[in-house]
Structure formats: structure tokens, C-alpha cells
Amino acid sequence: SDSAMRRALRRATDGASLDATEAAVLLHARGDDLERLLAAAGRARDAHLLAEGRPGVVTHARNVFIPLTRLCRDRCHYCTFATVPHRVESAFLEREEVVEIARRGAEAGCTEALFTLGDRPEERWSAAAEWLEARGYSSTVDYVRACAIAVLEETGLLPHLNPGVLSWSELTRLKPVAASMGMMLETTAERLWRDKGGPHFGSPDKEPAVRLRTLEDAGRVAVPFTTGILIGIGETRTERAESLLALRRVARQYGHLQEVIVQNFRAKPDTAMRDVPDAELEDLAATVAVARLLMPSGVSVQAPPNLVGDQQLLVLRAGIDDWGGVSPGTP
């Protein structure tokens, strides 16, 4: 209702701590209401930047992407990264290839090596299990660790690791070889994982409780962590608000969340953004704004610049303070 929107906007403008209902109401903001929401989030962002000692400065990381493997044991219905063994030359990049990518990145002025990979592919694909075994590695996580060490020692780039769901002991093993780690929460909506036909059905690592446990374990181990939500995969606005509130709870409890990414799922990555109706980007902007208003001041809010066509200004107005990794060399 109009009165619920007015009240939520007033509380957002006053810097009050928003609850799930208010957050969900604000996610519906359009027109003048959206303008007020963006203004409130912009002020929260400016205060965050002031507290961080970088007033008016939005950052990005110069990084190089290292796609360690494109095999995965999960079956997310929207994924364009994961593939099957016969479509790739090799199950994994060799360690020498990893170091070479990092070295070229260092020469291009990068400071960070972002390791991207599927979740535990050796548990689904014999090709992955055999590749690791032939080289003396006990698991994908074991191999990630070896590659991170090689990159650190031979190029000086800082490894940022994204190996998916990790146990407390795996986080402990990886912590000394990484500047930070990350895993998108994506959503807390269990039905998207539980129900047949849902985007996460048949993907063991996408059970929300499992992902939340990894976020909490990372906090217990004090690993600097990047996480976020994926919007537009079938969640309701209430579920989206609940996902952001779960991240706020973890951020408050452990203080290890460096940044929260709001990523808009693009169903057809090969289609031009200009054909997409504005409403979808307004939805993204409202979600970024609510994320900024919910998160503790020390947490950065990030949106990927490559997923918003020419609408970077809209996302800036919504309250981001970081664009994430932007690579001069790798796609």
C-alpha cells in the first residue's frame, strides 16, 4: 500500500534499521518512490565511503580470471560457465597454465587472481577424478591450494578463491594461501532448490542451509569473504529481502563480509542489454539500494558493470561503492 511505502521510505531516509517487511516493500519502489529510495541509499553509501577514508571514490579490483575448471557437480538451470567433459580439452588447467595466466595479468597491472571453478567436479565426473589423481591431488580443493601457492610465489598476485561450498577444515587449509575467498549465497528460498523444475533442483551445493553454513564457518575462521545474491532466478521480492537479511545477520555476527554483490541474472548472455525493458534494471537498482540500507557500514555493496548495459549511472545512484573485479586481459 501507499502508506506502507511512505513509512518504509521515511524509515530508510532516517537511517533506521529495516525489517523484512519494510525491505520487501522498498523492493517494489518505482517512479518517485524509487528516486527517494536511491537518494537514501546514496547517502548511506557516502557515509560508508567517508568512514572508509575514501569519500566520493568508487573502487574496482584489477584482476585476472583463472577458470581452473568448468566442470561441476551441480546442475543449475541458468549456468553458462559449467560444461561437460567432452566439451573441454582438459578437466582442469595445468598448474603451469595457471601461473602463465597470472603472470600475464601481473604484466597488465593486475593485483588479484580470481579463481573461478565448479563445485567438486570429481564427485560427478570420472575425468576430473582421474586428472587429479594422475597429478597427486586428493581433491579439487587440494589443487586450488597448490595453484594459489604457485601464483603467490611466482607472480605476487593475491589469490581470491571461489571454490564453492567449503567445510570449516577446508576454509582453515585455504586461509593462509588466499587474500580473500567468496561464494554467492544466491538465495535463501529453499523451494528453488527443493522443487522439481526449480533452478537449483539436483544441485547439492545450492541448498540454502548449506551455503549459509559456509558463510558462517568463514566468519568463524575469520576469512575475508565476498558474497551476494542473484536476482531474477524465480524468487519473490519477499524471498529476496529475506536473503539480504540473512547476509546482514552474518555480517553483523562475524564482521568478515567485505562485500555483498547484487547480481542480476541475465537469461541470454549473448543478447544485447538494450533490448531489455527498463523495469528489470529498476528492479536491480531497488535491490542494490535496499542492500546498501540493510548492510553494516563496513560492508561494500557491489554490482557488476558488465551486466547493466549502459546503465552504470543508475547503479551508482543506487548506492554501490565498488564495481568488483574488472580485468584488462581476461573475459
Protein backbone atom coordinates (compact mmCIF):
# COMPACT_ATOMS: atom_id res chain seq x y z
CA SER A 1 0.00 0.00 0.00
CA ASP A 2 0.96 3.67 -0.39
CA SER A 3 1.12 4.19 3.37
CA ALA A 4 3.43 1.18 3.86
CA MET A 5 5.74 2.52 1.13
CA ARG A 6 5.71 6.03 2.63
CA ARG A 7 6.53 4.68 6.08
CA ALA A 8 9.32 2.43 4.79
CA LEU A 9 10.83 5.29 2.79
CA ARG A 10 10.68 7.59 5.82
CA ARG A 11 12.46 4.99 7.97
CA ALA A 12 15.05 4.40 5.21
CA THR A 13 15.65 8.15 4.93
CA ASP A 14 16.06 8.38 8.72
CA GLY A 15 18.66 5.59 8.66
CA ALA A 16 16.51 3.25 10.78
CA SER A 17 17.26 -0.48 10.89
CA LEU A 18 14.81 -2.01 8.41
CA ASP A 19 12.98 -5.29 8.93
CA ALA A 20 11.97 -7.94 6.37
CA THR A 21 8.55 -6.42 5.68
CA GLU A 22 9.96 -2.92 5.11
CA ALA A 23 12.75 -4.25 2.90
CA ALA A 24 10.24 -6.17 0.77
CA VAL A 25 8.04 -3.07 0.43
CA LEU A 26 11.03 -0.97 -0.70
CA LEU A 27 11.95 -3.55 -3.37
CA HIS A 28 8.68 -2.58 -5.11
CA ALA A 29 9.61 1.12 -5.33
CA ARG A 30 9.17 2.72 -8.76
CA GLY A 31 8.93 6.27 -10.09
CA ASP A 32 9.18 8.95 -7.40
CA ASP A 33 9.36 6.29 -4.68
CA LEU A 34 12.38 4.74 -6.38
CA GLU A 35 14.05 8.18 -6.60
CA ARG A 36 13.60 8.64 -2.83
CA LEU A 37 14.95 5.14 -2.18
CA LEU A 38 18.03 5.74 -4.36
CA ALA A 39 18.68 9.06 -2.62
CA ALA A 40 18.55 7.39 0.83
CA ALA A 41 20.89 4.61 -0.31
CA GLY A 42 23.24 7.15 -1.90
CA ARG A 43 23.54 8.96 1.43
CA ALA A 44 24.25 5.66 3.21
CA ARG A 45 26.94 4.92 0.62
CA ASP A 46 28.51 8.36 1.03
CA ALA A 47 28.66 7.84 4.80
CA HIS A 48 30.26 4.41 4.23
CA LEU A 49 32.91 5.95 1.95
CA LEU A 50 33.63 8.67 4.49
CA ALA A 51 34.05 6.06 7.24
CA GLU A 52 36.35 4.06 4.93
CA GLY A 53 38.51 7.14 4.38
CA ARG A 54 37.75 7.39 0.66
CA PRO A 55 34.97 9.98 0.30
CA GLY A 56 33.49 10.10 -3.20
CA VAL A 57 35.66 7.26 -4.51
CA VAL A 58 34.11 4.14 -6.04
CA THR A 59 36.68 1.37 -6.43
CA HIS A 60 37.27 -1.68 -8.57
CA ALA A 61 39.81 -4.50 -8.46
CA ARG A 62 42.15 -5.01 -11.38
CA ASN A 63 42.11 -8.75 -11.61
CA VAL A 64 42.72 -11.68 -13.87
CA PHE A 65 40.22 -14.56 -14.08
CA ILE A 66 41.57 -18.09 -13.75
CA PRO A 67 38.89 -20.62 -14.81
CA LEU A 68 40.51 -23.58 -13.06
CA THR A 69 37.81 -26.00 -14.22
CA ARG A 70 34.46 -25.63 -15.95
CA LEU A 71 33.26 -28.99 -14.68
CA CYS A 72 30.86 -29.02 -11.73
CA ARG A 73 28.76 -31.49 -9.77
CA ASP A 74 25.77 -29.12 -9.65
CA ARG A 75 23.13 -28.67 -12.35
CA CYS A 76 21.91 -25.06 -12.07
CA HIS A 77 19.43 -24.40 -14.86
CA TYR A 78 20.79 -20.97 -15.78
CA CYS A 79 24.55 -21.59 -15.69
CA THR A 80 26.65 -20.73 -18.75
CA PHE A 81 30.01 -21.48 -17.09
CA ALA A 82 29.73 -25.19 -16.31
CA THR A 83 30.01 -27.72 -19.11
CA VAL A 84 30.61 -31.44 -19.71
CA PRO A 85 33.96 -33.29 -20.08
CA HIS A 86 33.81 -33.90 -23.84
CA ARG A 87 33.41 -30.15 -24.47
CA VAL A 88 36.68 -29.17 -22.80
CA GLU A 89 40.23 -30.03 -23.84
CA SER A 90 41.18 -30.89 -20.29
CA ALA A 91 39.32 -31.30 -16.99
CA PHE A 92 41.49 -28.64 -15.32
CA LEU A 93 44.05 -26.01 -16.27
CA GLU A 94 47.59 -27.29 -15.61
CA ARG A 95 49.50 -25.51 -12.86
CA GLU A 96 51.87 -24.01 -15.47
CA GLU A 97 48.87 -22.61 -17.38
CA VAL A 98 47.52 -21.05 -14.18
CA VAL A 99 50.85 -19.35 -13.44
CA GLU A 100 51.11 -18.14 -17.04
CA ILE A 101 47.65 -16.51 -16.92
CA ALA A 102 48.60 -14.86 -13.61
CA ARG A 103 51.95 -13.69 -15.00
CA ARG A 104 50.27 -12.04 -17.99
CA GLY A 105 47.82 -10.44 -15.56
CA ALA A 106 50.66 -9.07 -13.45
CA GLU A 107 52.25 -7.58 -16.57
CA ALA A 108 48.91 -5.89 -17.39
CA GLY A 109 48.88 -4.27 -13.94
CA CYS A 110 46.55 -6.66 -12.12
CA THR A 111 46.79 -7.14 -8.37
CA GLU A 112 44.43 -10.07 -7.87
CA ALA A 113 43.93 -13.55 -9.32
CA LEU A 114 40.30 -14.61 -9.17
CA PHE A 115 39.97 -18.40 -9.22
CA THR A 116 36.63 -19.49 -10.69
CA LEU A 117 35.60 -23.14 -10.81
CA GLY A 118 32.79 -25.61 -10.45
CA ASP A 119 31.89 -27.33 -7.18
CA ARG A 120 33.70 -30.64 -6.52
CA PRO A 121 33.59 -31.91 -10.13
CA GLU A 122 35.48 -35.09 -9.19
CA GLU A 123 32.36 -36.31 -7.39
CA ARG A 124 30.36 -36.32 -10.64
CA TRP A 125 32.89 -36.71 -13.46
CA SER A 126 35.45 -39.53 -13.61
CA ALA A 127 37.53 -37.37 -15.99
CA ALA A 128 38.05 -34.84 -13.17
CA ALA A 129 38.82 -37.51 -10.56
CA GLU A 130 41.35 -39.19 -12.86
CA TRP A 131 43.03 -35.88 -13.79
CA LEU A 132 43.57 -35.00 -10.11
CA GLU A 133 44.73 -38.48 -9.14
CA ALA A 134 47.24 -38.63 -12.00
CA ARG A 135 48.90 -35.47 -10.64
CA GLY A 136 48.83 -36.48 -6.99
CA TYR A 137 45.98 -34.27 -5.74
CA SER A 138 43.35 -35.65 -3.38
CA SER A 139 40.60 -33.20 -4.37
CA THR A 140 39.77 -30.04 -6.30
CA VAL A 141 40.22 -28.04 -3.08
CA ASP A 142 43.69 -29.58 -2.69
CA TYR A 143 44.55 -28.50 -6.25
CA VAL A 144 43.16 -24.98 -5.71
CA ARG A 145 45.51 -24.64 -2.74
CA ALA A 146 48.54 -25.73 -4.76
CA CYS A 147 47.68 -23.29 -7.57
CA ALA A 148 47.15 -20.41 -5.14
CA ILE A 149 50.60 -21.05 -3.65
CA ALA A 150 52.15 -21.14 -7.13
CA VAL A 151 50.50 -17.84 -8.10
CA LEU A 152 51.58 -16.18 -4.83
CA GLU A 153 55.16 -17.38 -5.04
CA GLU A 154 55.74 -16.90 -8.76
CA THR A 155 53.72 -13.77 -9.63
CA GLY A 156 52.91 -11.94 -6.38
CA LEU A 157 49.24 -11.65 -7.39
CA LEU A 158 46.80 -12.06 -4.49
CA PRO A 159 44.60 -15.15 -4.89
CA HIS A 160 40.86 -14.72 -4.37
CA LEU A 161 39.30 -18.18 -4.20
CA ASN A 162 35.77 -19.17 -5.22
CA PRO A 163 35.66 -22.97 -4.86
CA GLY A 164 32.01 -23.10 -3.77
CA VAL A 165 30.76 -24.73 -0.58
CA LEU A 166 33.63 -25.40 1.83
CA SER A 167 33.85 -27.12 5.21
CA TRP A 168 35.38 -25.49 8.28
CA SER A 169 38.57 -27.56 7.83
CA GLU A 170 38.84 -26.66 4.11
CA LEU A 171 38.47 -22.96 4.92
CA THR A 172 41.21 -23.36 7.52
CA ARG A 173 43.52 -25.01 4.96
CA LEU A 174 42.91 -22.37 2.29
CA LYS A 175 43.03 -19.30 4.54
CA PRO A 176 46.87 -18.99 4.59
CA VAL A 177 47.13 -19.00 0.77
CA ALA A 178 44.37 -16.50 -0.10
CA ALA A 179 43.84 -12.80 0.48
CA SER A 180 40.10 -13.47 0.46
CA MET A 181 37.52 -16.02 -0.60
CA GLY A 182 34.00 -15.84 -1.88
CA MET A 183 30.77 -17.66 -2.56
CA MET A 184 27.46 -16.19 -3.61
CA LEU A 185 24.61 -17.06 -1.26
CA GLU A 186 22.34 -16.53 -4.32
CA THR A 187 19.09 -17.05 -2.38
CA THR A 188 17.66 -18.41 0.86
CA ALA A 189 14.50 -19.57 -0.96
CA GLU A 190 14.61 -23.29 -0.30
CA ARG A 191 11.81 -24.10 -2.77
CA LEU A 192 14.07 -23.07 -5.70
CA TRP A 193 16.36 -25.95 -4.65
CA ARG A 194 13.80 -28.44 -3.31
CA ASP A 195 11.12 -28.40 -6.01
CA LYS A 196 11.48 -30.35 -9.24
CA GLY A 197 11.87 -27.89 -12.08
CA GLY A 198 13.41 -25.27 -9.77
CA PRO A 199 16.68 -23.65 -10.97
CA HIS A 200 18.70 -25.34 -8.19
CA PHE A 201 17.00 -28.74 -8.25
CA GLY A 202 19.54 -31.56 -8.29
CA SER A 203 22.36 -29.28 -7.10
CA PRO A 204 23.56 -30.40 -3.65
CA ASP A 205 25.67 -27.27 -3.11
CA LYS A 206 22.72 -24.93 -3.65
CA GLU A 207 20.78 -25.95 -0.57
CA PRO A 208 20.44 -22.59 1.24
CA ALA A 209 21.25 -24.02 4.68
CA VAL A 210 24.49 -25.49 3.31
CA ARG A 211 25.53 -22.17 1.77
CA LEU A 212 24.69 -20.22 4.93
CA ARG A 213 26.80 -22.66 6.95
CA THR A 214 29.79 -21.95 4.69
CA LEU A 215 29.29 -18.18 5.19
CA GLU A 216 29.14 -18.67 8.96
CA ASP A 217 32.13 -21.03 9.02
CA ALA A 218 34.12 -18.45 7.02
CA GLY A 219 33.23 -15.99 9.77
CA ARG A 220 34.34 -18.39 12.49
CA VAL A 221 37.65 -18.92 10.68
CA ALA A 222 37.87 -15.13 10.03
CA VAL A 223 38.30 -15.44 6.27
CA PRO A 224 37.69 -12.09 4.50
CA PHE A 225 34.68 -13.00 2.38
CA THR A 226 32.70 -11.85 -0.66
CA THR A 227 29.12 -12.99 -1.08
CA GLY A 228 25.88 -11.76 -2.56
CA ILE A 229 22.52 -12.56 -4.06
CA LEU A 230 21.43 -13.47 -7.56
CA ILE A 231 18.16 -11.84 -8.56
CA GLY A 232 15.72 -12.90 -11.25
CA ILE A 233 16.02 -16.70 -10.87
CA GLY A 234 12.39 -17.12 -9.77
CA GLU A 235 12.49 -15.71 -6.25
CA THR A 236 9.76 -13.41 -4.88
CA ARG A 237 10.61 -9.96 -3.56
CA THR A 238 9.93 -11.21 -0.02
CA GLU A 239 12.40 -14.06 -0.56
CA ARG A 240 14.90 -11.54 -1.92
CA ALA A 241 14.51 -9.39 1.18
CA GLU A 242 14.97 -12.48 3.37
CA SER A 243 18.18 -13.35 1.52
CA LEU A 244 19.60 -9.86 2.13
CA LEU A 245 18.59 -10.03 5.80
CA ALA A 246 20.40 -13.36 6.17
CA LEU A 247 23.55 -11.67 4.83
CA ARG A 248 23.08 -8.75 7.23
CA ARG A 249 22.79 -11.17 10.15
CA VAL A 250 26.03 -12.96 9.19
CA ALA A 251 27.84 -9.65 8.57
CA ARG A 252 26.81 -8.33 11.99
CA GLN A 253 27.68 -11.53 13.82
CA TYR A 254 31.16 -12.15 12.37
CA GLY A 255 32.32 -8.95 10.65
CA HIS A 256 34.13 -10.83 7.86
CA LEU A 257 31.93 -9.87 4.91
CA GLN A 258 33.96 -7.44 2.82
CA GLU A 259 31.40 -7.01 0.11
CA VAL A 260 27.94 -8.03 -0.93
CA ILE A 261 27.28 -8.36 -4.67
CA VAL A 262 23.83 -7.81 -6.14
CA GLN A 263 23.95 -9.69 -9.43
CA ASN A 264 21.13 -9.62 -11.92
CA PHE A 265 20.74 -12.94 -13.66
CA ARG A 266 20.93 -12.48 -17.44
CA ALA A 267 19.00 -15.27 -19.11
CA LYS A 268 20.60 -14.73 -22.51
CA PRO A 269 24.18 -13.52 -22.12
CA ASP A 270 24.54 -13.26 -25.91
CA THR A 271 21.66 -10.80 -26.30
CA ALA A 272 22.23 -7.06 -26.14
CA MET A 273 21.11 -5.38 -22.94
CA ARG A 274 19.46 -2.54 -24.87
CA ASP A 275 16.54 -4.86 -25.79
CA VAL A 276 15.70 -5.46 -22.13
CA PRO A 277 12.82 -3.44 -20.66
CA ASP A 278 13.84 -0.78 -18.14
CA ALA A 279 11.81 -2.38 -15.34
CA GLU A 280 14.39 -5.13 -14.93
CA LEU A 281 17.14 -2.58 -14.30
CA GLU A 282 14.88 -0.59 -11.98
CA ASP A 283 14.38 -3.83 -10.07
CA LEU A 284 18.16 -4.21 -9.85
CA ALA A 285 18.57 -0.60 -8.71
CA ALA A 286 15.94 -1.02 -5.98
CA THR A 287 17.65 -4.21 -4.78
CA VAL A 288 21.10 -2.55 -4.70
CA ALA A 289 19.61 0.34 -2.71
CA VAL A 290 17.94 -1.96 -0.18
CA ALA A 291 21.19 -3.94 0.15
CA ARG A 292 23.08 -0.74 0.95
CA LEU A 293 20.48 0.33 3.51
CA LEU A 294 20.49 -3.09 5.22
CA MET A 295 24.23 -3.83 5.39
CA PRO A 296 26.50 -2.62 8.19
CA SER A 297 28.58 0.40 7.16
CA GLY A 298 31.81 -1.58 6.83
CA VAL A 299 30.42 -3.84 4.09
CA SER A 300 30.87 -2.74 0.48
CA VAL A 301 27.98 -3.15 -1.96
CA GLN A 302 28.91 -4.15 -5.47
CA ALA A 303 27.21 -4.65 -8.83
CA PRO A 304 28.96 -5.99 -11.94
CA PRO A 305 29.28 -3.22 -14.55
CA ASN A 306 29.11 -5.66 -17.48
CA LEU A 307 25.54 -6.76 -16.66
CA VAL A 308 23.81 -3.38 -16.83
CA GLY A 309 24.33 -2.30 -20.44
CA ASP A 310 24.84 1.48 -20.41
CA GLN A 311 23.03 1.95 -17.09
CA GLN A 312 26.11 2.27 -14.86
CA LEU A 313 24.94 5.66 -13.59
CA LEU A 314 21.66 4.20 -12.34
CA VAL A 315 23.54 1.55 -10.35
CA LEU A 316 25.90 4.20 -8.94
CA ARG A 317 22.92 6.28 -7.83
CA ALA A 318 21.52 3.14 -6.15
CA GLY A 319 24.43 3.14 -3.70
CA ILE A 320 27.25 0.84 -4.83
CA ASP A 321 30.78 1.75 -3.79
CA ASP A 322 32.63 -0.92 -5.78
CA TRP A 323 32.41 -2.41 -9.28
CA GLY A 324 34.11 -5.68 -8.37
CA GLY A 325 36.79 -7.28 -10.49
CA VAL A 326 37.45 -5.66 -13.85
CA SER A 327 40.02 -7.46 -15.92
CA PRO A 328 42.23 -5.81 -18.52
CA GLY A 329 43.07 -9.16 -20.11
CA THR A 330 40.60 -11.96 -19.48
CA PRO A 331 36.88 -12.01 -20.31
